Amino acid sequence: MNEETSKTQRSIIGRVVSDKADKTRTVVVERRVRHPLYGKFIRRSTRLYVHDESNESRTGDTVRIRECRPLSRMKRFALVEVLGRAPA
């Protein structure tokens, strides 16, 4: 069994907020966390740098990304597929 296939890789859905760099996208992943004291749900967001080999995603697209080996100082994720296109 190959070591790559034996590991479970995280798959995350997020929204592309920047496509200015070549083969790199900035994706925002939003999650809801419960406030420890008051119990209200708060939106928290994380910005991830994603490798997009063919430059297929654009700003506003909803994408699925997966964890991968470090590709640069900041990039730790790769684009799997574009789930939804942004309105033109």
N, C-alpha and C. Protein backbone atom coordinates (compact mmCIF):
# COMPACT_ATOMS: atom_id res chain seq x y z
N MET A 1 0.84 -1.17 0.00
CA MET A 1 0.00 0.00 0.00
C MET A 1 0.89 1.24 0.00
N ASN A 2 0.55 2.18 -0.84
CA ASN A 2 1.31 3.41 -0.97
C ASN A 2 1.08 4.30 0.24
N GLU A 3 2.11 5.02 0.67
CA GLU A 3 1.98 5.87 1.84
C GLU A 3 1.04 7.05 1.61
N GLU A 4 0.99 7.54 0.35
CA GLU A 4 0.09 8.65 0.03
C GLU A 4 -1.38 8.25 0.21
N THR A 5 -1.72 7.03 -0.21
CA THR A 5 -3.11 6.61 -0.15
C THR A 5 -3.53 6.18 1.25
N SER A 6 -2.59 5.84 2.11
CA SER A 6 -2.94 5.38 3.44
C SER A 6 -3.32 6.53 4.37
N LYS A 7 -2.83 7.72 4.09
CA LYS A 7 -3.16 8.87 4.91
C LYS A 7 -4.51 9.44 4.49
N THR A 8 -5.28 9.89 5.45
CA THR A 8 -6.52 10.57 5.12
C THR A 8 -6.22 12.06 5.03
N GLN A 9 -6.59 12.65 3.90
CA GLN A 9 -6.32 14.05 3.67
C GLN A 9 -7.59 14.85 3.91
N ARG A 10 -7.42 15.99 4.59
CA ARG A 10 -8.56 16.84 4.85
C ARG A 10 -9.07 17.44 3.55
N SER A 11 -10.38 17.46 3.40
CA SER A 11 -11.02 18.10 2.25
C SER A 11 -11.88 19.24 2.80
N ILE A 12 -11.67 20.45 2.30
CA ILE A 12 -12.32 21.64 2.84
C ILE A 12 -12.99 22.39 1.69
N ILE A 13 -14.15 22.99 1.97
CA ILE A 13 -14.84 23.81 0.98
C ILE A 13 -14.70 25.27 1.40
N GLY A 14 -14.32 26.13 0.44
CA GLY A 14 -14.12 27.54 0.74
C GLY A 14 -14.42 28.40 -0.47
N ARG A 15 -14.18 29.71 -0.33
CA ARG A 15 -14.48 30.68 -1.38
C ARG A 15 -13.20 31.41 -1.76
N VAL A 16 -12.94 31.51 -3.07
CA VAL A 16 -11.73 32.18 -3.56
C VAL A 16 -11.92 33.69 -3.41
N VAL A 17 -10.95 34.34 -2.75
CA VAL A 17 -11.02 35.79 -2.58
C VAL A 17 -9.94 36.52 -3.36
N SER A 18 -8.93 35.80 -3.84
CA SER A 18 -7.89 36.44 -4.64
C SER A 18 -7.32 35.45 -5.65
N ASP A 19 -7.17 35.92 -6.91
CA ASP A 19 -6.54 35.09 -7.94
C ASP A 19 -5.45 35.88 -8.66
N LYS A 20 -4.83 36.80 -7.95
CA LYS A 20 -3.84 37.68 -8.58
C LYS A 20 -2.51 36.98 -8.87
N ALA A 21 -2.11 36.04 -8.03
CA ALA A 21 -0.83 35.36 -8.24
C ALA A 21 -0.99 34.21 -9.23
N ASP A 22 0.08 33.87 -9.92
CA ASP A 22 0.06 32.78 -10.88
C ASP A 22 0.09 31.43 -10.15
N LYS A 23 -0.89 30.58 -10.45
CA LYS A 23 -1.02 29.23 -9.88
C LYS A 23 -1.26 29.23 -8.37
N THR A 24 -1.64 30.35 -7.80
CA THR A 24 -1.94 30.43 -6.37
C THR A 24 -3.25 31.16 -6.18
N ARG A 25 -4.09 30.62 -5.31
CA ARG A 25 -5.36 31.26 -4.96
C ARG A 25 -5.40 31.45 -3.45
N THR A 26 -6.07 32.50 -3.02
CA THR A 26 -6.33 32.71 -1.61
C THR A 26 -7.78 32.32 -1.36
N VAL A 27 -7.99 31.37 -0.46
CA VAL A 27 -9.33 30.84 -0.20
C VAL A 27 -9.68 31.12 1.25
N VAL A 28 -10.91 31.63 1.47
CA VAL A 28 -11.40 31.86 2.82
C VAL A 28 -12.33 30.73 3.20
N VAL A 29 -12.04 30.11 4.34
CA VAL A 29 -12.88 29.04 4.88
C VAL A 29 -13.55 29.59 6.13
N GLU A 30 -14.88 29.63 6.11
CA GLU A 30 -15.63 30.14 7.26
C GLU A 30 -16.19 28.99 8.07
N ARG A 31 -16.16 29.15 9.38
CA ARG A 31 -16.74 28.16 10.28
C ARG A 31 -17.49 28.90 11.38
N ARG A 32 -18.41 28.19 12.00
CA ARG A 32 -19.18 28.78 13.10
C ARG A 32 -18.76 28.11 14.40
N VAL A 33 -18.36 28.94 15.37
CA VAL A 33 -17.97 28.41 16.67
C VAL A 33 -18.88 29.01 17.73
N ARG A 34 -19.13 28.24 18.75
CA ARG A 34 -20.00 28.69 19.84
C ARG A 34 -19.18 29.48 20.85
N HIS A 35 -19.68 30.63 21.28
CA HIS A 35 -19.00 31.44 22.28
C HIS A 35 -18.97 30.67 23.60
N PRO A 36 -17.81 30.60 24.25
CA PRO A 36 -17.71 29.75 25.45
C PRO A 36 -18.60 30.18 26.60
N LEU A 37 -18.87 31.48 26.75
CA LEU A 37 -19.68 31.96 27.87
C LEU A 37 -21.13 32.19 27.48
N TYR A 38 -21.34 32.88 26.37
CA TYR A 38 -22.70 33.30 26.02
C TYR A 38 -23.44 32.32 25.10
N GLY A 39 -22.73 31.41 24.47
CA GLY A 39 -23.39 30.39 23.68
C GLY A 39 -23.79 30.83 22.28
N LYS A 40 -23.61 32.09 21.95
CA LYS A 40 -23.97 32.58 20.62
C LYS A 40 -22.95 32.06 19.60
N PHE A 41 -23.42 31.75 18.38
CA PHE A 41 -22.52 31.29 17.34
C PHE A 41 -21.83 32.48 16.68
N ILE A 42 -20.52 32.38 16.53
CA ILE A 42 -19.71 33.44 15.94
C ILE A 42 -19.08 32.89 14.68
N ARG A 43 -19.01 33.71 13.63
CA ARG A 43 -18.34 33.29 12.39
C ARG A 43 -16.85 33.58 12.50
N ARG A 44 -16.05 32.56 12.25
CA ARG A 44 -14.60 32.71 12.22
C ARG A 44 -14.14 32.31 10.82
N SER A 45 -13.12 33.00 10.31
CA SER A 45 -12.64 32.68 8.97
C SER A 45 -11.14 32.44 8.99
N THR A 46 -10.68 31.61 8.07
CA THR A 46 -9.27 31.28 7.92
C THR A 46 -8.90 31.48 6.46
N ARG A 47 -7.80 32.18 6.21
CA ARG A 47 -7.31 32.38 4.85
C ARG A 47 -6.23 31.34 4.56
N LEU A 48 -6.43 30.58 3.50
CA LEU A 48 -5.49 29.54 3.11
C LEU A 48 -4.98 29.83 1.70
N TYR A 49 -3.71 29.52 1.48
CA TYR A 49 -3.13 29.67 0.15
C TYR A 49 -3.16 28.31 -0.54
N VAL A 50 -3.71 28.29 -1.76
CA VAL A 50 -4.02 27.04 -2.45
C VAL A 50 -3.31 27.01 -3.80
N HIS A 51 -2.73 25.86 -4.13
CA HIS A 51 -2.08 25.67 -5.43
C HIS A 51 -3.13 25.31 -6.48
N ASP A 52 -3.19 26.11 -7.56
CA ASP A 52 -4.12 25.88 -8.67
C ASP A 52 -3.27 25.77 -9.93
N GLU A 53 -2.90 24.56 -10.29
CA GLU A 53 -1.93 24.32 -11.37
C GLU A 53 -2.37 24.93 -12.71
N SER A 54 -3.65 24.81 -13.05
CA SER A 54 -4.11 25.26 -14.37
C SER A 54 -4.82 26.61 -14.34
N ASN A 55 -4.76 27.32 -13.23
CA ASN A 55 -5.40 28.64 -13.09
C ASN A 55 -6.87 28.61 -13.49
N GLU A 56 -7.60 27.58 -13.07
CA GLU A 56 -8.99 27.43 -13.49
C GLU A 56 -9.99 28.17 -12.61
N SER A 57 -9.65 28.47 -11.37
CA SER A 57 -10.60 29.14 -10.48
C SER A 57 -10.44 30.66 -10.56
N ARG A 58 -11.52 31.36 -10.27
CA ARG A 58 -11.54 32.82 -10.30
C ARG A 58 -12.08 33.34 -8.98
N THR A 59 -11.94 34.63 -8.74
CA THR A 59 -12.43 35.24 -7.51
C THR A 59 -13.94 35.05 -7.40
N GLY A 60 -14.39 34.60 -6.23
CA GLY A 60 -15.81 34.39 -5.99
C GLY A 60 -16.26 32.95 -6.16
N ASP A 61 -15.43 32.10 -6.76
CA ASP A 61 -15.79 30.70 -6.96
C ASP A 61 -15.78 29.95 -5.63
N THR A 62 -16.66 28.95 -5.53
CA THR A 62 -16.64 28.03 -4.41
C THR A 62 -15.83 26.82 -4.82
N VAL A 63 -14.84 26.45 -4.02
CA VAL A 63 -13.91 25.39 -4.41
C VAL A 63 -13.75 24.37 -3.30
N ARG A 64 -13.33 23.16 -3.68
CA ARG A 64 -12.96 22.11 -2.73
C ARG A 64 -11.44 21.99 -2.80
N ILE A 65 -10.79 22.02 -1.63
CA ILE A 65 -9.34 21.93 -1.57
C ILE A 65 -8.97 20.78 -0.66
N ARG A 66 -7.73 20.29 -0.81
CA ARG A 66 -7.26 19.20 0.03
C ARG A 66 -5.88 19.55 0.57
N GLU A 67 -5.56 18.97 1.70
CA GLU A 67 -4.27 19.15 2.32
C GLU A 67 -3.21 18.42 1.50
N CYS A 68 -2.03 18.99 1.39
CA CYS A 68 -0.95 18.33 0.66
C CYS A 68 0.39 18.71 1.31
N ARG A 69 1.46 18.23 0.73
CA ARG A 69 2.79 18.56 1.25
C ARG A 69 3.05 20.05 1.07
N PRO A 70 3.97 20.63 1.82
CA PRO A 70 4.28 22.05 1.65
C PRO A 70 4.82 22.33 0.25
N LEU A 71 4.16 23.24 -0.46
CA LEU A 71 4.56 23.59 -1.81
C LEU A 71 5.39 24.87 -1.84
N SER A 72 5.23 25.71 -0.83
CA SER A 72 6.02 26.92 -0.68
C SER A 72 5.97 27.32 0.79
N ARG A 73 6.42 28.51 1.10
CA ARG A 73 6.43 28.95 2.49
C ARG A 73 5.02 29.01 3.07
N MET A 74 4.02 29.35 2.26
CA MET A 74 2.65 29.53 2.75
C MET A 74 1.67 28.48 2.22
N LYS A 75 1.95 27.88 1.08
CA LYS A 75 0.99 26.98 0.44
C LYS A 75 1.07 25.57 1.02
N ARG A 76 -0.07 25.10 1.55
CA ARG A 76 -0.17 23.75 2.11
C ARG A 76 -1.39 23.00 1.58
N PHE A 77 -2.10 23.60 0.62
CA PHE A 77 -3.32 23.00 0.09
C PHE A 77 -3.29 23.02 -1.43
N ALA A 78 -4.04 22.10 -2.05
CA ALA A 78 -4.14 22.02 -3.51
C ALA A 78 -5.61 22.01 -3.89
N LEU A 79 -5.91 22.58 -5.04
CA LEU A 79 -7.29 22.64 -5.54
C LEU A 79 -7.70 21.26 -6.04
N VAL A 80 -8.89 20.82 -5.63
CA VAL A 80 -9.42 19.55 -6.10
C VAL A 80 -10.41 19.79 -7.24
N GLU A 81 -11.41 20.67 -6.98
CA GLU A 81 -12.40 20.97 -8.02
C GLU A 81 -13.09 22.29 -7.72
N VAL A 82 -13.66 22.87 -8.76
CA VAL A 82 -14.46 24.08 -8.63
C VAL A 82 -15.90 23.65 -8.50
N LEU A 83 -16.54 23.95 -7.37
CA LEU A 83 -17.92 23.51 -7.12
C LEU A 83 -18.93 24.47 -7.71
N GLY A 84 -18.67 25.76 -7.60
CA GLY A 84 -19.62 26.75 -8.12
C GLY A 84 -18.89 27.96 -8.67
N ARG A 85 -19.37 28.45 -9.79
CA ARG A 85 -18.76 29.62 -10.41
C ARG A 85 -19.39 30.89 -9.89
N ALA A 86 -18.59 31.94 -9.81
CA ALA A 86 -19.09 33.25 -9.39
C ALA A 86 -19.88 33.86 -10.54
N PRO A 87 -20.93 34.63 -10.23
CA PRO A 87 -21.66 35.29 -11.31
C PRO A 87 -20.75 36.29 -12.03
N ALA A 88 -20.84 36.30 -13.34
CA ALA A 88 -19.94 37.14 -14.17
C ALA A 88 -20.22 38.60 -14.09
